[in-house]
């Protein structure tokens, strides 16, 4: 069984015991969080697609912690002008471990 959930402005395909990295959520480490914006649920024989969300389905996850993502660099230069510019950025992320996918049928 898997589900596609929306966290923030992004969508993630999740199964039980998956670990995902999402944009920073304001939740303490070790707490549980319920993701109720489920776009699609696929069980053994059925697929349910929401319009926009599937009703009665929720995904439970536990928060593993807050951390920074991998550094991305932006670099510009102008040839023959002795001009360059670089800037780095690291996203603030939250690690989630999926505990269960509950169907409310």
PDB file of N, CA and C in Angstrom:
ATOM      1  N   UNK A   1       0.839  -1.172   0.000  1.00  0.00           N
ATOM      2  CA  UNK A   1       0.000   0.000   0.000  1.00  0.00           C
ATOM      3  C   UNK A   1       0.885   1.237   0.000  1.00  0.00           C
ATOM      4  N   UNK A   2       0.521   2.202  -0.828  1.00  0.00           N
ATOM      5  CA  UNK A   2       1.245   3.468  -0.823  1.00  0.00           C
ATOM      6  C   UNK A   2       0.259   4.607  -1.003  1.00  0.00           C
ATOM      7  N   UNK A   3       0.728   5.816  -0.732  1.00  0.00           N
ATOM      8  CA  UNK A   3      -0.113   7.003  -0.849  1.00  0.00           C
ATOM      9  C   UNK A   3       0.734   8.156  -1.373  1.00  0.00           C
ATOM     10  N   UNK A   4       0.064   9.105  -1.982  1.00  0.00           N
ATOM     11  CA  UNK A   4       0.712  10.342  -2.390  1.00  0.00           C
ATOM     12  C   UNK A   4       0.131  11.444  -1.520  1.00  0.00           C
ATOM     13  N   UNK A   5       0.999  12.091  -0.736  1.00  0.00           N
ATOM     14  CA  UNK A   5       0.563  13.121   0.199  1.00  0.00           C
ATOM     15  C   UNK A   5       1.149  14.466  -0.197  1.00  0.00           C
ATOM     16  N   UNK A   6       0.462  15.510   0.222  1.00  0.00           N
ATOM     17  CA  UNK A   6       0.923  16.875  -0.015  1.00  0.00           C
ATOM     18  C   UNK A   6       1.367  17.469   1.313  1.00  0.00           C
ATOM     19  N   UNK A   7       2.624  17.894   1.349  1.00  0.00           N
ATOM     20  CA  UNK A   7       3.174  18.545   2.535  1.00  0.00           C
ATOM     21  C   UNK A   7       3.740  19.872   2.064  1.00  0.00           C
ATOM     22  N   UNK A   8       3.156  20.960   2.548  1.00  0.00           N
ATOM     23  CA  UNK A   8       3.547  22.269   2.045  1.00  0.00           C
ATOM     24  C   UNK A   8       3.075  22.405   0.612  1.00  0.00           C
ATOM     25  N   UNK A   9       3.973  22.722  -0.303  1.00  0.00           N
ATOM     26  CA  UNK A   9       3.615  22.867  -1.707  1.00  0.00           C
ATOM     27  C   UNK A   9       4.151  21.712  -2.545  1.00  0.00           C
ATOM     28  N   UNK A  10       4.634  20.648  -1.899  1.00  0.00           N
ATOM     29  CA  UNK A  10       5.230  19.527  -2.623  1.00  0.00           C
ATOM     30  C   UNK A  10       4.461  18.244  -2.357  1.00  0.00           C
ATOM     31  N   UNK A  11       4.604  17.297  -3.271  1.00  0.00           N
ATOM     32  CA  UNK A  11       3.928  16.018  -3.154  1.00  0.00           C
ATOM     33  C   UNK A  11       4.961  14.907  -3.021  1.00  0.00           C
ATOM     34  N   UNK A  12       4.652  13.920  -2.164  1.00  0.00           N
ATOM     35  CA  UNK A  12       5.567  12.825  -1.888  1.00  0.00           C
ATOM     36  C   UNK A  12       4.822  11.502  -1.976  1.00  0.00           C
ATOM     37  N   UNK A  13       5.455  10.510  -2.595  1.00  0.00           N
ATOM     38  CA  UNK A  13       4.924   9.157  -2.616  1.00  0.00           C
ATOM     39  C   UNK A  13       5.512   8.418  -1.415  1.00  0.00           C
ATOM     40  N   UNK A  14       4.641   7.878  -0.546  1.00  0.00           N
ATOM     41  CA  UNK A  14       5.113   7.282   0.699  1.00  0.00           C
ATOM     42  C   UNK A  14       4.527   5.890   0.898  1.00  0.00           C
ATOM     43  N   UNK A  15       5.297   5.043   1.571  1.00  0.00           N
ATOM     44  CA  UNK A  15       4.864   3.725   2.031  1.00  0.00           C
ATOM     45  C   UNK A  15       5.195   3.643   3.515  1.00  0.00           C
ATOM     46  N   UNK A  16       4.721   2.603   4.158  1.00  0.00           N
ATOM     47  CA  UNK A  16       5.008   2.424   5.573  1.00  0.00           C
ATOM     48  C   UNK A  16       6.512   2.261   5.763  1.00  0.00           C
ATOM     49  N   UNK A  17       7.060   2.874   6.797  1.00  0.00           N
ATOM     50  CA  UNK A  17       8.474   2.864   7.191  1.00  0.00           C
ATOM     51  C   UNK A  17       9.384   3.651   6.254  1.00  0.00           C
ATOM     52  N   UNK A  18       8.836   4.437   5.335  1.00  0.00           N
ATOM     53  CA  UNK A  18       9.652   5.324   4.504  1.00  0.00           C
ATOM     54  C   UNK A  18      10.132   6.505   5.326  1.00  0.00           C
ATOM     55  N   UNK A  19      11.290   7.038   4.962  1.00  0.00           N
ATOM     56  CA  UNK A  19      11.809   8.255   5.569  1.00  0.00           C
ATOM     57  C   UNK A  19      11.874   9.315   4.478  1.00  0.00           C
ATOM     58  N   UNK A  20      11.202  10.445   4.709  1.00  0.00           N
ATOM     59  CA  UNK A  20      11.179  11.515   3.714  1.00  0.00           C
ATOM     60  C   UNK A  20      11.691  12.801   4.338  1.00  0.00           C
ATOM     61  N   UNK A  21      12.216  13.675   3.487  1.00  0.00           N
ATOM     62  CA  UNK A  21      12.694  14.987   3.908  1.00  0.00           C
ATOM     63  C   UNK A  21      11.754  16.029   3.308  1.00  0.00           C
ATOM     64  N   UNK A  22      11.076  16.785   4.162  1.00  0.00           N
ATOM     65  CA  UNK A  22      10.131  17.799   3.719  1.00  0.00           C
ATOM     66  C   UNK A  22      10.617  19.173   4.157  1.00  0.00           C
ATOM     67  N   UNK A  23      10.011  20.213   3.611  1.00  0.00           N
ATOM     68  CA  UNK A  23      10.339  21.565   4.056  1.00  0.00           C
ATOM     69  C   UNK A  23      10.051  21.676   5.545  1.00  0.00           C
ATOM     70  N   UNK A  24      10.723  22.594   6.211  1.00  0.00           N
ATOM     71  CA  UNK A  24      10.672  22.685   7.672  1.00  0.00           C
ATOM     72  C   UNK A  24       9.240  22.806   8.179  1.00  0.00           C
ATOM     73  N   UNK A  25       8.906  21.931   9.135  1.00  0.00           N
ATOM     74  CA  UNK A  25       7.626  21.945   9.821  1.00  0.00           C
ATOM     75  C   UNK A  25       7.881  22.355  11.268  1.00  0.00           C
ATOM     76  N   UNK A  26       6.954  23.076  11.857  1.00  0.00           N
ATOM     77  CA  UNK A  26       7.130  23.547  13.227  1.00  0.00           C
ATOM     78  C   UNK A  26       6.581  22.479  14.179  1.00  0.00           C
ATOM     79  N   UNK A  27       7.365  21.409  14.358  1.00  0.00           N
ATOM     80  CA  UNK A  27       7.016  20.294  15.235  1.00  0.00           C
ATOM     81  C   UNK A  27       8.297  19.839  15.916  1.00  0.00           C
ATOM     82  N   UNK A  28       8.206  19.464  17.189  1.00  0.00           N
ATOM     83  CA  UNK A  28       9.379  19.035  17.931  1.00  0.00           C
ATOM     84  C   UNK A  28       9.795  17.620  17.552  1.00  0.00           C
ATOM     85  N   UNK A  29      11.057  17.327  17.771  1.00  0.00           N
ATOM     86  CA  UNK A  29      11.602  16.001  17.491  1.00  0.00           C
ATOM     87  C   UNK A  29      10.930  14.963  18.381  1.00  0.00           C
ATOM     88  N   UNK A  30      10.556  13.834  17.809  1.00  0.00           N
ATOM     89  CA  UNK A  30       9.924  12.757  18.556  1.00  0.00           C
ATOM     90  C   UNK A  30       8.412  12.813  18.582  1.00  0.00           C
ATOM     91  N   UNK A  31       7.827  13.927  18.184  1.00  0.00           N
ATOM     92  CA  UNK A  31       6.370  14.051  18.172  1.00  0.00           C
ATOM     93  C   UNK A  31       5.794  13.370  16.937  1.00  0.00           C
ATOM     94  N   UNK A  32       4.503  13.078  16.990  1.00  0.00           N
ATOM     95  CA  UNK A  32       3.803  12.504  15.841  1.00  0.00           C
ATOM     96  C   UNK A  32       3.051  13.593  15.109  1.00  0.00           C
ATOM     97  N   UNK A  33       2.912  13.414  13.803  1.00  0.00           N
ATOM     98  CA  UNK A  33       2.206  14.378  12.968  1.00  0.00           C
ATOM     99  C   UNK A  33       1.274  13.581  12.053  1.00  0.00           C
ATOM    100  N   UNK A  34       0.106  14.144  11.771  1.00  0.00           N
ATOM    101  CA  UNK A  34      -0.867  13.503  10.888  1.00  0.00           C
ATOM    102  C   UNK A  34      -0.919  14.286   9.585  1.00  0.00           C
ATOM    103  N   UNK A  35      -0.672  13.599   8.478  1.00  0.00           N
ATOM    104  CA  UNK A  35      -0.748  14.206   7.153  1.00  0.00           C
ATOM    105  C   UNK A  35      -2.103  13.824   6.568  1.00  0.00           C
ATOM    106  N   UNK A  36      -3.015  14.794   6.494  1.00  0.00           N
ATOM    107  CA  UNK A  36      -4.367  14.487   6.029  1.00  0.00           C
ATOM    108  C   UNK A  36      -4.639  14.942   4.601  1.00  0.00           C
ATOM    109  N   UNK A  37      -3.680  15.567   3.963  1.00  0.00           N
ATOM    110  CA  UNK A  37      -3.843  15.973   2.571  1.00  0.00           C
ATOM    111  C   UNK A  37      -3.330  14.850   1.669  1.00  0.00           C
ATOM    112  N   UNK A  38      -4.155  13.824   1.524  1.00  0.00           N
ATOM    113  CA  UNK A  38      -3.794  12.646   0.751  1.00  0.00           C
ATOM    114  C   UNK A  38      -4.435  12.768  -0.633  1.00  0.00           C
ATOM    115  N   UNK A  39      -3.616  12.731  -1.672  1.00  0.00           N
ATOM    116  CA  UNK A  39      -4.102  12.905  -3.039  1.00  0.00           C
ATOM    117  C   UNK A  39      -4.490  11.584  -3.695  1.00  0.00           C
ATOM    118  N   UNK A  40      -3.809  10.493  -3.334  1.00  0.00           N
ATOM    119  CA  UNK A  40      -4.065   9.195  -3.939  1.00  0.00           C
ATOM    120  C   UNK A  40      -3.691   8.110  -2.947  1.00  0.00           C
ATOM    121  N   UNK A  41      -4.490   7.038  -2.923  1.00  0.00           N
ATOM    122  CA  UNK A  41      -4.196   5.882  -2.087  1.00  0.00           C
ATOM    123  C   UNK A  41      -4.319   4.647  -2.958  1.00  0.00           C
ATOM    124  N   UNK A  42      -3.309   3.800  -2.909  1.00  0.00           N
ATOM    125  CA  UNK A  42      -3.324   2.556  -3.670  1.00  0.00           C
ATOM    126  C   UNK A  42      -3.130   1.411  -2.686  1.00  0.00           C
ATOM    127  N   UNK A  43      -4.174   0.581  -2.529  1.00  0.00           N
ATOM    128  CA  UNK A  43      -4.043  -0.608  -1.702  1.00  0.00           C
ATOM    129  C   UNK A  43      -3.828  -1.800  -2.630  1.00  0.00           C
ATOM    130  N   UNK A  44      -4.034  -3.006  -2.141  1.00  0.00           N
ATOM    131  CA  UNK A  44      -3.734  -4.195  -2.927  1.00  0.00           C
ATOM    132  C   UNK A  44      -4.511  -4.254  -4.246  1.00  0.00           C
ATOM    133  N   UNK A  45      -5.818  -3.984  -4.201  1.00  0.00           N
ATOM    134  CA  UNK A  45      -6.630  -4.133  -5.407  1.00  0.00           C
ATOM    135  C   UNK A  45      -7.341  -2.862  -5.850  1.00  0.00           C
ATOM    136  N   UNK A  46      -7.292  -1.817  -5.050  1.00  0.00           N
ATOM    137  CA  UNK A  46      -8.036  -0.607  -5.396  1.00  0.00           C
ATOM    138  C   UNK A  46      -7.128   0.612  -5.405  1.00  0.00           C
ATOM    139  N   UNK A  47      -7.525   1.566  -6.221  1.00  0.00           N
ATOM    140  CA  UNK A  47      -6.846   2.859  -6.266  1.00  0.00           C
ATOM    141  C   UNK A  47      -7.915   3.925  -6.083  1.00  0.00           C
ATOM    142  N   UNK A  48      -7.697   4.814  -5.124  1.00  0.00           N
ATOM    143  CA  UNK A  48      -8.615   5.925  -4.897  1.00  0.00           C
ATOM    144  C   UNK A  48      -7.897   7.226  -5.201  1.00  0.00           C
ATOM    145  N   UNK A  49      -8.520   8.047  -6.029  1.00  0.00           N
ATOM    146  CA  UNK A  49      -7.963   9.341  -6.397  1.00  0.00           C
ATOM    147  C   UNK A  49      -8.873  10.409  -5.823  1.00  0.00           C
ATOM    148  N   UNK A  50      -8.300  11.373  -5.136  1.00  0.00           N
ATOM    149  CA  UNK A  50      -9.083  12.437  -4.527  1.00  0.00           C
ATOM    150  C   UNK A  50      -9.330  13.580  -5.487  1.00  0.00           C
ATOM    151  N   UNK A  51     -10.345  14.376  -5.157  1.00  0.00           N
ATOM    152  CA  UNK A  51     -10.666  15.549  -5.964  1.00  0.00           C
ATOM    153  C   UNK A  51     -10.850  16.751  -5.057  1.00  0.00           C
ATOM    154  N   UNK A  52      -9.875  17.417  -4.507  1.00  0.00           N
ATOM    155  CA  UNK A  52      -8.452  17.168  -4.660  1.00  0.00           C
ATOM    156  C   UNK A  52      -7.893  16.162  -3.661  1.00  0.00           C
ATOM    157  N   UNK A  53      -8.591  15.924  -2.520  1.00  0.00           N
ATOM    158  CA  UNK A  53      -8.060  15.021  -1.502  1.00  0.00           C
ATOM    159  C   UNK A  53      -9.008  13.850  -1.291  1.00  0.00           C
ATOM    160  N   UNK A  54      -8.448  12.706  -0.878  1.00  0.00           N
ATOM    161  CA  UNK A  54      -9.239  11.533  -0.549  1.00  0.00           C
ATOM    162  C   UNK A  54      -9.776  11.715   0.865  1.00  0.00           C
ATOM    163  N   UNK A  55     -11.084  11.553   1.036  1.00  0.00           N
ATOM    164  CA  UNK A  55     -11.704  11.765   2.340  1.00  0.00           C
ATOM    165  C   UNK A  55     -11.528  10.545   3.229  1.00  0.00           C
ATOM    166  N   UNK A  56     -11.269  10.787   4.498  1.00  0.00           N
ATOM    167  CA  UNK A  56     -11.180   9.715   5.477  1.00  0.00           C
ATOM    168  C   UNK A  56      -9.854   8.982   5.531  1.00  0.00           C
ATOM    169  N   UNK A  57      -8.881   9.404   4.759  1.00  0.00           N
ATOM    170  CA  UNK A  57      -7.577   8.743   4.756  1.00  0.00           C
ATOM    171  C   UNK A  57      -6.573   9.664   5.429  1.00  0.00           C
ATOM    172  N   UNK A  58      -5.746   9.078   6.294  1.00  0.00           N
ATOM    173  CA  UNK A  58      -4.705   9.876   6.926  1.00  0.00           C
ATOM    174  C   UNK A  58      -3.421   9.071   7.024  1.00  0.00           C
ATOM    175  N   UNK A  59      -2.318   9.785   6.986  1.00  0.00           N
ATOM    176  CA  UNK A  59      -0.999   9.182   7.074  1.00  0.00           C
ATOM    177  C   UNK A  59      -0.354   9.692   8.355  1.00  0.00           C
ATOM    178  N   UNK A  60       0.068   8.765   9.211  1.00  0.00           N
ATOM    179  CA  UNK A  60       0.711   9.146  10.460  1.00  0.00           C
ATOM    180  C   UNK A  60       2.222   9.038  10.297  1.00  0.00           C
ATOM    181  N   UNK A  61       2.930  10.050  10.799  1.00  0.00           N
ATOM    182  CA  UNK A  61       4.387  10.079  10.697  1.00  0.00           C
ATOM    183  C   UNK A  61       4.964  10.584  12.010  1.00  0.00           C
ATOM    184  N   UNK A  62       6.195  10.195  12.288  1.00  0.00           N
ATOM    185  CA  UNK A  62       6.895  10.716  13.464  1.00  0.00           C
ATOM    186  C   UNK A  62       8.059  11.575  12.985  1.00  0.00           C
ATOM    187  N   UNK A  63       8.343  12.618  13.741  1.00  0.00           N
ATOM    188  CA  UNK A  63       9.375  13.578  13.366  1.00  0.00           C
ATOM    189  C   UNK A  63      10.734  13.073  13.847  1.00  0.00           C
ATOM    190  N   UNK A  64      11.672  12.943  12.906  1.00  0.00           N
ATOM    191  CA  UNK A  64      13.020  12.477  13.247  1.00  0.00           C
ATOM    192  C   UNK A  64      13.922  13.621  13.669  1.00  0.00           C
ATOM    193  N   UNK A  65      13.659  14.831  13.177  1.00  0.00           N
ATOM    194  CA  UNK A  65      14.471  15.968  13.569  1.00  0.00           C
ATOM    195  C   UNK A  65      14.494  17.051  12.511  1.00  0.00           C
ATOM    196  N   UNK A  66      15.103  18.176  12.880  1.00  0.00           N
ATOM    197  CA  UNK A  66      15.268  19.322  11.989  1.00  0.00           C
ATOM    198  C   UNK A  66      16.727  19.373  11.559  1.00  0.00           C
ATOM    199  N   UNK A  67      16.976  19.647  10.290  1.00  0.00           N
ATOM    200  CA  UNK A  67      18.344  19.725   9.805  1.00  0.00           C
ATOM    201  C   UNK A  67      18.395  20.568   8.543  1.00  0.00           C
ATOM    202  N   UNK A  68      19.615  20.819   8.090  1.00  0.00           N
ATOM    203  CA  UNK A  68      19.817  21.575   6.861  1.00  0.00           C
ATOM    204  C   UNK A  68      20.104  20.620   5.718  1.00  0.00           C
ATOM    205  N   UNK A  69      19.640  20.975   4.551  1.00  0.00           N
ATOM    206  CA  UNK A  69      19.862  20.154   3.371  1.00  0.00           C
ATOM    207  C   UNK A  69      21.237  20.381   2.771  1.00  0.00           C
ATOM    208  N   UNK A  70      21.445  19.768   1.628  1.00  0.00           N
ATOM    209  CA  UNK A  70      22.709  19.887   0.923  1.00  0.00           C
ATOM    210  C   UNK A  70      22.865  21.309   0.379  1.00  0.00           C
ATOM    211  N   UNK A  71      24.087  21.792   0.339  1.00  0.00           N
ATOM    212  CA  UNK A  71      24.339  23.159  -0.105  1.00  0.00           C
ATOM    213  C   UNK A  71      24.247  23.251  -1.624  1.00  0.00           C
ATOM    214  N   UNK A  72      23.553  24.285  -2.089  1.00  0.00           N
ATOM    215  CA  UNK A  72      23.509  24.540  -3.528  1.00  0.00           C
ATOM    216  C   UNK A  72      24.173  25.892  -3.768  1.00  0.00           C
ATOM    217  N   UNK A  73      24.930  25.962  -4.828  1.00  0.00           N
ATOM    218  CA  UNK A  73      25.690  27.168  -5.142  1.00  0.00           C
ATOM    219  C   UNK A  73      25.166  27.798  -6.421  1.00  0.00           C
ATOM    220  N   UNK A  74      25.125  29.119  -6.430  1.00  0.00           N
ATOM    221  CA  UNK A  74      24.813  29.889  -7.633  1.00  0.00           C
ATOM    222  C   UNK A  74      26.063  30.696  -7.964  1.00  0.00           C
ATOM    223  N   UNK A  75      26.436  30.706  -9.221  1.00  0.00           N
ATOM    224  CA  UNK A  75      27.656  31.397  -9.623  1.00  0.00           C
ATOM    225  C   UNK A  75      27.415  32.102 -10.945  1.00  0.00           C
ATOM    226  N   UNK A  76      27.796  33.376 -11.012  1.00  0.00           N
ATOM    227  CA  UNK A  76      27.702  34.158 -12.240  1.00  0.00           C
ATOM    228  C   UNK A  76      29.041  34.817 -12.511  1.00  0.00           C
ATOM    229  N   UNK A  77      29.323  35.008 -13.766  1.00  0.00           N
ATOM    230  CA  UNK A  77      30.526  35.761 -14.097  1.00  0.00           C
ATOM    231  C   UNK A  77      30.323  36.429 -15.447  1.00  0.00           C
ATOM    232  N   UNK A  78      31.110  37.465 -15.665  1.00  0.00           N
ATOM    233  CA  UNK A  78      31.112  38.144 -16.952  1.00  0.00           C
ATOM    234  C   UNK A  78      32.514  38.024 -17.534  1.00  0.00           C
ATOM    235  N   UNK A  79      32.581  37.494 -18.686  1.00  0.00           N
ATOM    236  CA  UNK A  79      33.899  37.253 -19.272  1.00  0.00           C
ATOM    237  C   UNK A  79      34.598  38.570 -19.600  1.00  0.00           C
ATOM    238  N   UNK A  80      35.883  38.544 -19.405  1.00  0.00           N
ATOM    239  CA  UNK A  80      36.775  39.675 -19.702  1.00  0.00           C
ATOM    240  C   UNK A  80      36.484  40.930 -18.871  1.00  0.00           C
ATOM    241  N   UNK A  81      35.663  40.841 -17.858  1.00  0.00           N
ATOM    242  CA  UNK A  81      35.324  42.028 -17.058  1.00  0.00           C
ATOM    243  C   UNK A  81      35.845  41.934 -15.630  1.00  0.00           C
ATOM    244  N   UNK A  82      36.479  40.816 -15.271  1.00  0.00           N
ATOM    245  CA  UNK A  82      36.969  40.589 -13.917  1.00  0.00           C
ATOM    246  C   UNK A  82      35.843  40.755 -12.893  1.00  0.00           C
ATOM    247  N   UNK A  83      34.669  40.178 -13.232  1.00  0.00           N
ATOM    248  CA  UNK A  83      33.495  40.266 -12.359  1.00  0.00           C
ATOM    249  C   UNK A  83      32.921  38.871 -12.147  1.00  0.00           C
ATOM    250  N   UNK A  84      32.720  38.514 -10.894  1.00  0.00           N
ATOM    251  CA  UNK A  84      32.046  37.262 -10.597  1.00  0.00           C
ATOM    252  C   UNK A  84      31.272  37.399  -9.286  1.00  0.00           C
ATOM    253  N   UNK A  85      30.313  36.484  -9.110  1.00  0.00           N
ATOM    254  CA  UNK A  85      29.412  36.535  -7.968  1.00  0.00           C
ATOM    255  C   UNK A  85      29.026  35.108  -7.612  1.00  0.00           C
ATOM    256  N   UNK A  86      29.136  34.749  -6.354  1.00  0.00           N
ATOM    257  CA  UNK A  86      28.704  33.413  -5.938  1.00  0.00           C
ATOM    258  C   UNK A  86      27.920  33.521  -4.641  1.00  0.00           C
ATOM    259  N   UNK A  87      26.969  32.627  -4.502  1.00  0.00           N
ATOM    260  CA  UNK A  87      26.117  32.630  -3.320  1.00  0.00           C
ATOM    261  C   UNK A  87      25.696  31.197  -3.037  1.00  0.00           C
ATOM    262  N   UNK A  88      25.709  30.822  -1.766  1.00  0.00           N
ATOM    263  CA  UNK A  88      25.305  29.479  -1.362  1.00  0.00           C
ATOM    264  C   UNK A  88      24.002  29.511  -0.588  1.00  0.00           C
ATOM    265  N   UNK A  89      23.318  28.363  -0.594  1.00  0.00           N
ATOM    266  CA  UNK A  89      22.039  28.280   0.102  1.00  0.00           C
ATOM    267  C   UNK A  89      21.827  26.847   0.594  1.00  0.00           C
ATOM    268  N   UNK A  90      21.295  26.707   1.814  1.00  0.00           N
ATOM    269  CA  UNK A  90      20.929  25.402   2.361  1.00  0.00           C
ATOM    270  C   UNK A  90      19.503  25.467   2.874  1.00  0.00           C
ATOM    271  N   UNK A  91      18.641  24.550   2.410  1.00  0.00           N
ATOM    272  CA  UNK A  91      17.250  24.515   2.830  1.00  0.00           C
ATOM    273  C   UNK A  91      17.123  23.994   4.260  1.00  0.00           C
ATOM    274  N   UNK A  92      16.152  24.508   4.977  1.00  0.00           N
ATOM    275  CA  UNK A  92      15.801  23.991   6.295  1.00  0.00           C
ATOM    276  C   UNK A  92      14.814  22.838   6.078  1.00  0.00           C
ATOM    277  N   UNK A  93      15.134  21.647   6.588  1.00  0.00           N
ATOM    278  CA  UNK A  93      14.331  20.459   6.332  1.00  0.00           C
ATOM    279  C   UNK A  93      13.902  19.789   7.630  1.00  0.00           C
ATOM    280  N   UNK A  94      12.875  18.961   7.519  1.00  0.00           N
ATOM    281  CA  UNK A  94      12.394  18.140   8.616  1.00  0.00           C
ATOM    282  C   UNK A  94      12.343  16.697   8.120  1.00  0.00           C
ATOM    283  N   UNK A  95      12.875  15.774   8.896  1.00  0.00           N
ATOM    284  CA  UNK A  95      12.832  14.353   8.546  1.00  0.00           C
ATOM    285  C   UNK A  95      11.602  13.705   9.150  1.00  0.00           C
ATOM    286  N   UNK A  96      10.846  12.971   8.330  1.00  0.00           N
ATOM    287  CA  UNK A  96       9.644  12.278   8.787  1.00  0.00           C
ATOM    288  C   UNK A  96       9.766  10.794   8.478  1.00  0.00           C
ATOM    289  N   UNK A  97       9.353   9.959   9.440  1.00  0.00           N
ATOM    290  CA  UNK A  97       9.262   8.516   9.207  1.00  0.00           C
ATOM    291  C   UNK A  97       7.797   8.140   9.208  1.00  0.00           C
ATOM    292  N   UNK A  98       7.345   7.515   8.140  1.00  0.00           N
ATOM    293  CA  UNK A  98       5.938   7.163   7.990  1.00  0.00           C
ATOM    294  C   UNK A  98       5.636   5.950   8.859  1.00  0.00           C
ATOM    295  N   UNK A  99       4.664   6.108   9.769  1.00  0.00           N
ATOM    296  CA  UNK A  99       4.300   5.025  10.683  1.00  0.00           C
ATOM    297  C   UNK A  99       3.179   4.162  10.119  1.00  0.00           C
ATOM    298  N   UNK A 100       2.147   4.808   9.563  1.00  0.00           N
ATOM    299  CA  UNK A 100       1.018   4.028   9.047  1.00  0.00           C
ATOM    300  C   UNK A 100       0.210   4.847   8.053  1.00  0.00           C
ATOM    301  N   UNK A 101      -0.510   4.123   7.212  1.00  0.00           N
ATOM    302  CA  UNK A 101      -1.482   4.722   6.286  1.00  0.00           C
ATOM    303  C   UNK A 101      -2.834   4.112   6.656  1.00  0.00           C
ATOM    304  N   UNK A 102      -3.766   4.962   7.111  1.00  0.00           N
ATOM    305  CA  UNK A 102      -5.049   4.477   7.596  1.00  0.00           C
ATOM    306  C   UNK A 102      -6.156   4.860   6.628  1.00  0.00           C
ATOM    307  N   UNK A 103      -6.894   3.844   6.184  1.00  0.00           N
ATOM    308  CA  UNK A 103      -8.054   4.063   5.333  1.00  0.00           C
ATOM    309  C   UNK A 103      -9.269   4.237   6.219  1.00  0.00           C
ATOM    310  N   UNK A 104     -10.067   5.242   5.947  1.00  0.00           N
ATOM    311  CA  UNK A 104     -11.250   5.478   6.754  1.00  0.00           C
ATOM    312  C   UNK A 104     -12.518   5.029   6.053  1.00  0.00           C
ATOM    313  N   UNK A 105     -12.478   3.858   5.442  1.00  0.00           N
ATOM    314  CA  UNK A 105     -13.616   3.388   4.656  1.00  0.00           C
ATOM    315  C   UNK A 105     -14.662   2.724   5.505  1.00  0.00           C
TER     316      UNK A 105
END
